[in-house]
Amino acid sequence: MTSILNELSDRSLRGLITALESGRLSPPFSSLTLAQLVPQDQVAGLLQELQSLVGSSSTAHSAGAWIRILLQQRERLRADAGTIELVMTGPEPPGTTIRDTAVVVRQMFSHATRSIWICGFAVYQGKDIFQTLAQRMTALPELKVRMFLNVERKKGDKSTDTVLLQKFVQRFRETQWPEDVRLPDVYFDPRAVESDEHSASACLHAKFVIADGHQVFISSANFTAAAQQRNIEAGVSAENPRLAGEIQQHFQALIDHGHLKQLRW
């Protein structure tokens, strides 16, 4: 008989592991507690399986350890397969095992050893979203981080280009980047800040993360709490050095030809 654990998403499995190992979830198991961790349609089956598992001389903590092994095996199989994976944000229909946007981004940040390239249109709640990356940068001073971000000129804003960029720099440093951590290299599209009303408006709208030149995540999700955790967003993740290299070469060419410029801190 197929274990219902195999039908749970990575997010649900992680929630179960934390609850079991912390003691928040312990025998006799409560369906009300489980309903906070997994979709409602899976509560009854999971309740029965946990009762059976702990009843066979296991403890809640060891059950959590067993589920952790199951999750690690799932992740290892994905890595060995080297296939493109669908990554989503939003409500989880029953039976889905699609990976979660926030988890994928956090794992890429925490496992990188050489470089992280990030491209995004909007950044809000950046102190929280980039906390894992900041910790990794502190642990690995050699880790190089590049960001490509949109600098927006709101309609009717008559500020000079210089003032607009200064405001962006101040906002990023004070509200979007963890404190006491070296700043990444940030690039922007100069067309987006042009004050000439007759200039064609443009924005940097691409969204991706590339880790160590081989792992690629391309998504509709911005770097905001809503996009990472609540909105319905779709993306793909792949171990693909060729694709990663092509994206990086393209953006490097944009820099080399002046289509992207580096912010000065």
C-alpha atoms as a PDB file:
ATOM      1  CA  MET A   1       0.000   0.000   0.000  1.00  0.00           C
ATOM      2  CA  THR A   2       1.330   3.455  -0.922  1.00  0.00           C
ATOM      3  CA  SER A   3       2.241   5.643   2.028  1.00  0.00           C
ATOM      4  CA  ILE A   4       0.307   8.898   2.204  1.00  0.00           C
ATOM      5  CA  LEU A   5       3.619  10.549   3.070  1.00  0.00           C
ATOM      6  CA  ASN A   6       4.601  10.112  -0.578  1.00  0.00           C
ATOM      7  CA  GLU A   7       1.635  12.276  -1.570  1.00  0.00           C
ATOM      8  CA  LEU A   8       2.589  15.202   0.664  1.00  0.00           C
ATOM      9  CA  SER A   9       4.407  18.251  -0.692  1.00  0.00           C
ATOM     10  CA  ASP A  10       7.906  19.165   0.473  1.00  0.00           C
ATOM     11  CA  ARG A  11       6.401  22.032   2.469  1.00  0.00           C
ATOM     12  CA  SER A  12       4.012  19.696   4.292  1.00  0.00           C
ATOM     13  CA  LEU A  13       6.774  17.189   5.040  1.00  0.00           C
ATOM     14  CA  ARG A  14       8.988  19.935   6.460  1.00  0.00           C
ATOM     15  CA  GLY A  15       6.141  21.121   8.657  1.00  0.00           C
ATOM     16  CA  LEU A  16       5.587  17.593   9.940  1.00  0.00           C
ATOM     17  CA  ILE A  17       9.280  17.106  10.668  1.00  0.00           C
ATOM     18  CA  THR A  18       9.463  20.324  12.676  1.00  0.00           C
ATOM     19  CA  ALA A  19       6.260  19.569  14.590  1.00  0.00           C
ATOM     20  CA  LEU A  20       7.296  16.003  15.449  1.00  0.00           C
ATOM     21  CA  GLU A  21      10.874  16.815  16.433  1.00  0.00           C
ATOM     22  CA  SER A  22       9.886  19.849  18.506  1.00  0.00           C
ATOM     23  CA  GLY A  23       7.142  18.012  20.388  1.00  0.00           C
ATOM     24  CA  ARG A  24       4.362  20.221  19.028  1.00  0.00           C
ATOM     25  CA  LEU A  25       2.911  17.075  17.422  1.00  0.00           C
ATOM     26  CA  SER A  26       2.926  14.046  19.699  1.00  0.00           C
ATOM     27  CA  PRO A  27       0.720  11.055  20.606  1.00  0.00           C
ATOM     28  CA  PRO A  28      -2.207  11.015  20.831  1.00  0.00           C
ATOM     29  CA  PHE A  29      -2.139  12.845  17.509  1.00  0.00           C
ATOM     30  CA  SER A  30      -4.728  15.527  16.904  1.00  0.00           C
ATOM     31  CA  SER A  31      -6.481  15.987  13.576  1.00  0.00           C
ATOM     32  CA  LEU A  32      -6.794  19.699  14.406  1.00  0.00           C
ATOM     33  CA  THR A  33      -3.013  20.041  14.629  1.00  0.00           C
ATOM     34  CA  LEU A  34      -2.482  18.012  11.468  1.00  0.00           C
ATOM     35  CA  ALA A  35      -4.961  20.236   9.614  1.00  0.00           C
ATOM     36  CA  GLN A  36      -2.576  23.137  10.211  1.00  0.00           C
ATOM     37  CA  LEU A  37       0.240  21.227   8.520  1.00  0.00           C
ATOM     38  CA  VAL A  38      -1.301  19.383   5.554  1.00  0.00           C
ATOM     39  CA  PRO A  39      -4.315  19.781   3.237  1.00  0.00           C
ATOM     40  CA  GLN A  40      -7.625  18.808   4.854  1.00  0.00           C
ATOM     41  CA  ASP A  41      -8.201  15.876   2.485  1.00  0.00           C
ATOM     42  CA  GLN A  42      -4.991  14.247   3.702  1.00  0.00           C
ATOM     43  CA  VAL A  43      -5.542  14.626   7.441  1.00  0.00           C
ATOM     44  CA  ALA A  44      -7.453  11.379   8.072  1.00  0.00           C
ATOM     45  CA  GLY A  45      -5.013   9.188   6.167  1.00  0.00           C
ATOM     46  CA  LEU A  46      -1.992  10.837   7.753  1.00  0.00           C
ATOM     47  CA  LEU A  47      -3.496  10.543  11.238  1.00  0.00           C
ATOM     48  CA  GLN A  48      -3.946   6.800  10.741  1.00  0.00           C
ATOM     49  CA  GLU A  49      -0.419   6.367   9.372  1.00  0.00           C
ATOM     50  CA  LEU A  50       1.220   8.322  12.198  1.00  0.00           C
ATOM     51  CA  GLN A  51      -0.707   6.349  14.810  1.00  0.00           C
ATOM     52  CA  SER A  52       0.418   3.126  13.160  1.00  0.00           C
ATOM     53  CA  LEU A  53       4.014   4.297  12.863  1.00  0.00           C
ATOM     54  CA  VAL A  54       4.355   5.434  16.488  1.00  0.00           C
ATOM     55  CA  GLY A  55       2.388   2.426  17.664  1.00  0.00           C
ATOM     56  CA  SER A  56       5.042   0.109  16.251  1.00  0.00           C
ATOM     57  CA  SER A  57       7.573   1.012  19.000  1.00  0.00           C
ATOM     58  CA  SER A  58       8.600   4.327  17.413  1.00  0.00           C
ATOM     59  CA  THR A  59       8.521   7.755  19.077  1.00  0.00           C
ATOM     60  CA  ALA A  60       7.281  11.054  17.684  1.00  0.00           C
ATOM     61  CA  HIS A  61      10.864  12.318  17.438  1.00  0.00           C
ATOM     62  CA  SER A  62      12.082   9.212  15.605  1.00  0.00           C
ATOM     63  CA  ALA A  63       9.048   9.428  13.302  1.00  0.00           C
ATOM     64  CA  GLY A  64      10.178  12.953  12.435  1.00  0.00           C
ATOM     65  CA  ALA A  65      13.680  11.649  11.721  1.00  0.00           C
ATOM     66  CA  TRP A  66      12.224   8.935   9.488  1.00  0.00           C
ATOM     67  CA  ILE A  67      10.191  11.496   7.523  1.00  0.00           C
ATOM     68  CA  ARG A  68      13.340  13.635   7.193  1.00  0.00           C
ATOM     69  CA  ILE A  69      15.102  10.685   5.558  1.00  0.00           C
ATOM     70  CA  LEU A  70      12.145  10.281   3.181  1.00  0.00           C
ATOM     71  CA  LEU A  71      12.398  13.956   2.206  1.00  0.00           C
ATOM     72  CA  GLN A  72      16.163  13.712   1.695  1.00  0.00           C
ATOM     73  CA  GLN A  73      15.721  10.665  -0.542  1.00  0.00           C
ATOM     74  CA  ARG A  74      13.124  12.550  -2.576  1.00  0.00           C
ATOM     75  CA  GLU A  75      15.519  15.482  -3.029  1.00  0.00           C
ATOM     76  CA  ARG A  76      18.388  13.137  -3.924  1.00  0.00           C
ATOM     77  CA  LEU A  77      16.296  11.429  -6.595  1.00  0.00           C
ATOM     78  CA  ARG A  78      15.455  14.816  -8.085  1.00  0.00           C
ATOM     79  CA  ALA A  79      19.118  15.796  -8.179  1.00  0.00           C
ATOM     80  CA  ASP A  80      20.135  12.487  -9.765  1.00  0.00           C
ATOM     81  CA  ALA A  81      17.415  12.778 -12.392  1.00  0.00           C
ATOM     82  CA  GLY A  82      18.595  16.236 -13.454  1.00  0.00           C
ATOM     83  CA  THR A  83      15.177  17.067 -14.855  1.00  0.00           C
ATOM     84  CA  ILE A  84      13.252  20.304 -14.975  1.00  0.00           C
ATOM     85  CA  GLU A  85      10.962  20.696 -11.969  1.00  0.00           C
ATOM     86  CA  LEU A  86       7.824  22.754 -11.608  1.00  0.00           C
ATOM     87  CA  VAL A  87       7.984  25.198  -8.681  1.00  0.00           C
ATOM     88  CA  MET A  88       4.873  26.949  -7.363  1.00  0.00           C
ATOM     89  CA  THR A  89       3.716  29.455  -4.787  1.00  0.00           C
ATOM     90  CA  GLY A  90       0.164  29.398  -3.474  1.00  0.00           C
ATOM     91  CA  PRO A  91      -2.521  26.977  -2.262  1.00  0.00           C
ATOM     92  CA  GLU A  92      -1.622  23.294  -2.453  1.00  0.00           C
ATOM     93  CA  PRO A  93      -4.273  21.011  -4.022  1.00  0.00           C
ATOM     94  CA  PRO A  94      -4.523  17.548  -2.405  1.00  0.00           C
ATOM     95  CA  GLY A  95      -1.895  15.113  -3.614  1.00  0.00           C
ATOM     96  CA  THR A  96       0.502  17.692  -5.030  1.00  0.00           C
ATOM     97  CA  THR A  97       4.245  17.232  -4.488  1.00  0.00           C
ATOM     98  CA  ILE A  98       5.321  20.323  -6.435  1.00  0.00           C
ATOM     99  CA  ARG A  99       8.220  22.194  -4.860  1.00  0.00           C
ATOM    100  CA  ASP A 100       7.680  25.503  -3.096  1.00  0.00           C
ATOM    101  CA  THR A 101       9.144  28.801  -4.356  1.00  0.00           C
ATOM    102  CA  ALA A 102      10.456  30.066  -1.017  1.00  0.00           C
ATOM    103  CA  VAL A 103      12.060  26.692  -0.226  1.00  0.00           C
ATOM    104  CA  VAL A 104      13.817  26.477  -3.608  1.00  0.00           C
ATOM    105  CA  VAL A 105      15.196  30.022  -3.359  1.00  0.00           C
ATOM    106  CA  ARG A 106      16.325  29.508   0.238  1.00  0.00           C
ATOM    107  CA  GLN A 107      18.090  26.236  -0.642  1.00  0.00           C
ATOM    108  CA  MET A 108      19.889  27.833  -3.572  1.00  0.00           C
ATOM    109  CA  PHE A 109      21.093  30.636  -1.315  1.00  0.00           C
ATOM    110  CA  SER A 110      22.229  28.306   1.469  1.00  0.00           C
ATOM    111  CA  HIS A 111      24.078  25.817  -0.781  1.00  0.00           C
ATOM    112  CA  ALA A 112      25.934  28.208  -3.111  1.00  0.00           C
ATOM    113  CA  THR A 113      29.717  28.156  -2.803  1.00  0.00           C
ATOM    114  CA  ARG A 114      30.977  30.378  -5.644  1.00  0.00           C
ATOM    115  CA  SER A 115      28.335  32.703  -7.040  1.00  0.00           C
ATOM    116  CA  ILE A 116      24.693  33.762  -6.939  1.00  0.00           C
ATOM    117  CA  TRP A 117      23.061  35.794  -9.710  1.00  0.00           C
ATOM    118  CA  ILE A 118      19.634  37.256  -8.938  1.00  0.00           C
ATOM    119  CA  CYS A 119      17.297  39.114 -11.256  1.00  0.00           C
ATOM    120  CA  GLY A 120      14.013  40.604 -10.084  1.00  0.00           C
ATOM    121  CA  PHE A 121      11.486  43.305 -10.825  1.00  0.00           C
ATOM    122  CA  ALA A 122      10.216  44.115  -7.327  1.00  0.00           C
ATOM    123  CA  VAL A 123      11.855  43.649  -3.918  1.00  0.00           C
ATOM    124  CA  TYR A 124       9.940  44.063  -0.660  1.00  0.00           C
ATOM    125  CA  GLN A 125      10.576  42.412   2.719  1.00  0.00           C
ATOM    126  CA  GLY A 126      14.100  41.915   1.386  1.00  0.00           C
ATOM    127  CA  LYS A 127      15.663  41.743   4.860  1.00  0.00           C
ATOM    128  CA  ASP A 128      13.802  38.478   5.461  1.00  0.00           C
ATOM    129  CA  ILE A 129      13.989  37.047   1.937  1.00  0.00           C
ATOM    130  CA  PHE A 130      17.748  37.636   1.636  1.00  0.00           C
ATOM    131  CA  GLN A 131      18.627  36.682   5.224  1.00  0.00           C
ATOM    132  CA  THR A 132      19.801  33.190   4.249  1.00  0.00           C
ATOM    133  CA  LEU A 133      21.897  34.641   1.432  1.00  0.00           C
ATOM    134  CA  ALA A 134      23.429  37.218   3.771  1.00  0.00           C
ATOM    135  CA  GLN A 135      24.378  34.486   6.229  1.00  0.00           C
ATOM    136  CA  ARG A 136      25.986  32.525   3.414  1.00  0.00           C
ATOM    137  CA  MET A 137      27.925  35.588   2.258  1.00  0.00           C
ATOM    138  CA  THR A 138      29.219  36.074   5.787  1.00  0.00           C
ATOM    139  CA  ALA A 139      30.274  32.432   6.072  1.00  0.00           C
ATOM    140  CA  LEU A 140      31.895  32.463   2.611  1.00  0.00           C
ATOM    141  CA  PRO A 141      33.633  35.802   1.951  1.00  0.00           C
ATOM    142  CA  GLU A 142      34.576  34.521  -1.514  1.00  0.00           C
ATOM    143  CA  LEU A 143      30.916  34.079  -2.549  1.00  0.00           C
ATOM    144  CA  LYS A 144      30.184  36.610  -5.292  1.00  0.00           C
ATOM    145  CA  VAL A 145      26.627  37.958  -5.501  1.00  0.00           C
ATOM    146  CA  ARG A 146      25.213  39.918  -8.413  1.00  0.00           C
ATOM    147  CA  MET A 147      21.728  41.393  -8.493  1.00  0.00           C
ATOM    148  CA  PHE A 148      19.867  42.848 -11.444  1.00  0.00           C
ATOM    149  CA  LEU A 149      17.011  44.985 -10.120  1.00  0.00           C
ATOM    150  CA  ASN A 150      14.466  47.371 -11.538  1.00  0.00           C
ATOM    151  CA  VAL A 151      14.800  50.992 -10.445  1.00  0.00           C
ATOM    152  CA  GLU A 152      11.350  52.462 -10.931  1.00  0.00           C
ATOM    153  CA  ARG A 153      10.448  56.009 -11.835  1.00  0.00           C
ATOM    154  CA  LYS A 154       6.868  56.479 -10.730  1.00  0.00           C
ATOM    155  CA  LYS A 155       4.531  58.413 -12.964  1.00  0.00           C
ATOM    156  CA  GLY A 156       4.862  62.136 -12.366  1.00  0.00           C
ATOM    157  CA  ASP A 157       8.199  61.845 -10.536  1.00  0.00           C
ATOM    158  CA  LYS A 158      10.319  64.781 -11.735  1.00  0.00           C
ATOM    159  CA  SER A 159      13.443  63.873  -9.736  1.00  0.00           C
ATOM    160  CA  THR A 160      16.735  63.897 -11.571  1.00  0.00           C
ATOM    161  CA  ASP A 161      18.208  60.523 -12.518  1.00  0.00           C
ATOM    162  CA  THR A 162      20.876  60.983  -9.847  1.00  0.00           C
ATOM    163  CA  VAL A 163      18.379  61.726  -7.085  1.00  0.00           C
ATOM    164  CA  LEU A 164      16.196  58.778  -8.089  1.00  0.00           C
ATOM    165  CA  LEU A 165      19.154  56.408  -7.918  1.00  0.00           C
ATOM    166  CA  GLN A 166      20.216  57.834  -4.558  1.00  0.00           C
ATOM    167  CA  LYS A 167      16.735  57.176  -3.168  1.00  0.00           C
ATOM    168  CA  PHE A 168      16.830  53.601  -4.432  1.00  0.00           C
ATOM    169  CA  VAL A 169      20.252  53.016  -2.891  1.00  0.00           C
ATOM    170  CA  GLN A 170      19.094  54.414   0.458  1.00  0.00           C
ATOM    171  CA  ARG A 171      15.911  52.328   0.462  1.00  0.00           C
ATOM    172  CA  PHE A 172      17.784  49.150  -0.482  1.00  0.00           C
ATOM    173  CA  ARG A 173      20.464  49.591   2.159  1.00  0.00           C
ATOM    174  CA  GLU A 174      18.101  50.612   4.961  1.00  0.00           C
ATOM    175  CA  THR A 175      15.004  48.471   4.333  1.00  0.00           C
ATOM    176  CA  GLN A 176      15.807  45.643   1.903  1.00  0.00           C
ATOM    177  CA  TRP A 177      19.223  44.285   2.868  1.00  0.00           C
ATOM    178  CA  PRO A 178      20.229  42.605   6.155  1.00  0.00           C
ATOM    179  CA  GLU A 179      22.312  44.828   8.401  1.00  0.00           C
ATOM    180  CA  ASP A 180      26.063  44.446   8.896  1.00  0.00           C
ATOM    181  CA  VAL A 181      26.505  42.332   5.755  1.00  0.00           C
ATOM    182  CA  ARG A 182      28.571  43.341   2.728  1.00  0.00           C
ATOM    183  CA  LEU A 183      26.444  44.614  -0.130  1.00  0.00           C
ATOM    184  CA  PRO A 184      26.047  42.698  -3.382  1.00  0.00           C
ATOM    185  CA  ASP A 185      26.887  44.126  -6.791  1.00  0.00           C
ATOM    186  CA  VAL A 186      23.630  45.600  -8.122  1.00  0.00           C
ATOM    187  CA  TYR A 187      22.908  46.490 -11.753  1.00  0.00           C
ATOM    188  CA  PHE A 188      19.947  48.358 -13.247  1.00  0.00           C
ATOM    189  CA  ASP A 189      18.485  49.290 -16.629  1.00  0.00           C
ATOM    190  CA  PRO A 190      19.210  53.027 -17.103  1.00  0.00           C
ATOM    191  CA  ARG A 191      16.207  53.421 -19.413  1.00  0.00           C
ATOM    192  CA  ALA A 192      13.888  52.861 -16.446  1.00  0.00           C
ATOM    193  CA  VAL A 193      15.102  55.992 -14.673  1.00  0.00           C
ATOM    194  CA  GLU A 194      15.317  58.407 -17.589  1.00  0.00           C
ATOM    195  CA  SER A 195      13.565  61.674 -16.792  1.00  0.00           C
ATOM    196  CA  ASP A 196      13.051  62.615 -20.441  1.00  0.00           C
ATOM    197  CA  GLU A 197       9.280  62.365 -21.014  1.00  0.00           C
ATOM    198  CA  HIS A 198       9.877  61.573 -24.653  1.00  0.00           C
ATOM    199  CA  SER A 199      12.107  58.578 -23.899  1.00  0.00           C
ATOM    200  CA  ALA A 200      10.584  55.157 -24.317  1.00  0.00           C
ATOM    201  CA  SER A 201       9.892  53.696 -20.876  1.00  0.00           C
ATOM    202  CA  ALA A 202      11.252  50.269 -20.011  1.00  0.00           C
ATOM    203  CA  CYS A 203      11.698  48.109 -16.952  1.00  0.00           C
ATOM    204  CA  LEU A 204      13.839  45.184 -15.883  1.00  0.00           C
ATOM    205  CA  HIS A 205      11.107  42.549 -15.537  1.00  0.00           C
ATOM    206  CA  ALA A 206      13.003  39.223 -15.689  1.00  0.00           C
ATOM    207  CA  LYS A 207      13.090  37.021 -12.577  1.00  0.00           C
ATOM    208  CA  PHE A 208      15.656  34.298 -11.972  1.00  0.00           C
ATOM    209  CA  VAL A 209      18.258  32.892  -9.594  1.00  0.00           C
ATOM    210  CA  ILE A 210      21.428  31.126 -10.762  1.00  0.00           C
ATOM    211  CA  ALA A 211      23.655  29.337  -8.259  1.00  0.00           C
ATOM    212  CA  ASP A 212      27.274  28.408  -8.980  1.00  0.00           C
ATOM    213  CA  GLY A 213      26.737  28.573 -12.721  1.00  0.00           C
ATOM    214  CA  HIS A 214      24.717  25.368 -12.956  1.00  0.00           C
ATOM    215  CA  GLN A 215      21.444  25.521 -10.982  1.00  0.00           C
ATOM    216  CA  VAL A 216      18.781  27.724 -12.573  1.00  0.00           C
ATOM    217  CA  PHE A 217      15.436  28.894 -11.220  1.00  0.00           C
ATOM    218  CA  ILE A 218      13.202  30.990 -13.499  1.00  0.00           C
ATOM    219  CA  SER A 219       9.884  32.173 -12.087  1.00  0.00           C
ATOM    220  CA  SER A 220       7.057  34.681 -12.253  1.00  0.00           C
ATOM    221  CA  ALA A 221       7.684  35.392  -8.554  1.00  0.00           C
ATOM    222  CA  ASN A 222       9.159  38.683  -7.408  1.00  0.00           C
ATOM    223  CA  PHE A 223      11.317  38.895  -4.290  1.00  0.00           C
ATOM    224  CA  THR A 224       8.430  39.829  -2.023  1.00  0.00           C
ATOM    225  CA  ALA A 225       6.761  37.948   0.829  1.00  0.00           C
ATOM    226  CA  ALA A 226       3.528  37.717  -1.170  1.00  0.00           C
ATOM    227  CA  ALA A 227       5.198  36.293  -4.277  1.00  0.00           C
ATOM    228  CA  GLN A 228       7.410  33.896  -2.338  1.00  0.00           C
ATOM    229  CA  GLN A 229       4.701  32.597   0.000  1.00  0.00           C
ATOM    230  CA  ARG A 230       1.102  33.501  -0.938  1.00  0.00           C
ATOM    231  CA  ASN A 231       0.435  34.467  -4.558  1.00  0.00           C
ATOM    232  CA  ILE A 232      -0.157  31.871  -7.230  1.00  0.00           C
ATOM    233  CA  GLU A 233       3.228  31.916  -8.993  1.00  0.00           C
ATOM    234  CA  ALA A 234       4.822  29.435 -11.382  1.00  0.00           C
ATOM    235  CA  GLY A 235       8.438  28.687 -12.194  1.00  0.00           C
ATOM    236  CA  VAL A 236      10.893  25.977 -13.189  1.00  0.00           C
ATOM    237  CA  SER A 237      14.086  24.783 -11.544  1.00  0.00           C
ATOM    238  CA  ALA A 238      16.815  22.854 -13.357  1.00  0.00           C
ATOM    239  CA  GLU A 239      20.386  21.638 -12.987  1.00  0.00           C
ATOM    240  CA  ASN A 240      21.540  22.899 -16.362  1.00  0.00           C
ATOM    241  CA  PRO A 241      25.020  24.457 -16.718  1.00  0.00           C
ATOM    242  CA  ARG A 242      24.424  25.263 -20.386  1.00  0.00           C
ATOM    243  CA  LEU A 243      21.245  27.242 -19.696  1.00  0.00           C
ATOM    244  CA  ALA A 244      22.845  28.953 -16.708  1.00  0.00           C
ATOM    245  CA  GLY A 245      25.841  29.910 -18.821  1.00  0.00           C
ATOM    246  CA  GLU A 246      23.703  31.305 -21.639  1.00  0.00           C
ATOM    247  CA  ILE A 247      21.745  33.528 -19.238  1.00  0.00           C
ATOM    248  CA  GLN A 248      24.889  34.764 -17.542  1.00  0.00           C
ATOM    249  CA  GLN A 249      26.617  35.443 -20.869  1.00  0.00           C
ATOM    250  CA  HIS A 250      23.599  37.411 -22.080  1.00  0.00           C
ATOM    251  CA  PHE A 251      23.483  39.607 -18.980  1.00  0.00           C
ATOM    252  CA  GLN A 252      27.250  40.065 -19.034  1.00  0.00           C
ATOM    253  CA  ALA A 253      26.937  41.255 -22.628  1.00  0.00           C
ATOM    254  CA  LEU A 254      24.249  43.742 -21.542  1.00  0.00           C
ATOM    255  CA  ILE A 255      26.711  45.089 -18.985  1.00  0.00           C
ATOM    256  CA  ASP A 256      29.608  45.187 -21.432  1.00  0.00           C
ATOM    257  CA  HIS A 257      27.581  47.166 -23.968  1.00  0.00           C
ATOM    258  CA  GLY A 258      26.171  49.636 -21.441  1.00  0.00           C
ATOM    259  CA  HIS A 259      22.590  48.366 -21.427  1.00  0.00           C
ATOM    260  CA  LEU A 260      22.913  47.605 -17.718  1.00  0.00           C
ATOM    261  CA  LYS A 261      24.812  49.816 -15.291  1.00  0.00           C
ATOM    262  CA  GLN A 262      26.152  49.163 -11.815  1.00  0.00           C
ATOM    263  CA  LEU A 263      24.827  51.074  -8.833  1.00  0.00           C
ATOM    264  CA  ARG A 264      27.405  52.940  -6.812  1.00  0.00           C
ATOM    265  CA  TRP A 265      27.069  52.472  -3.084  1.00  0.00           C
END
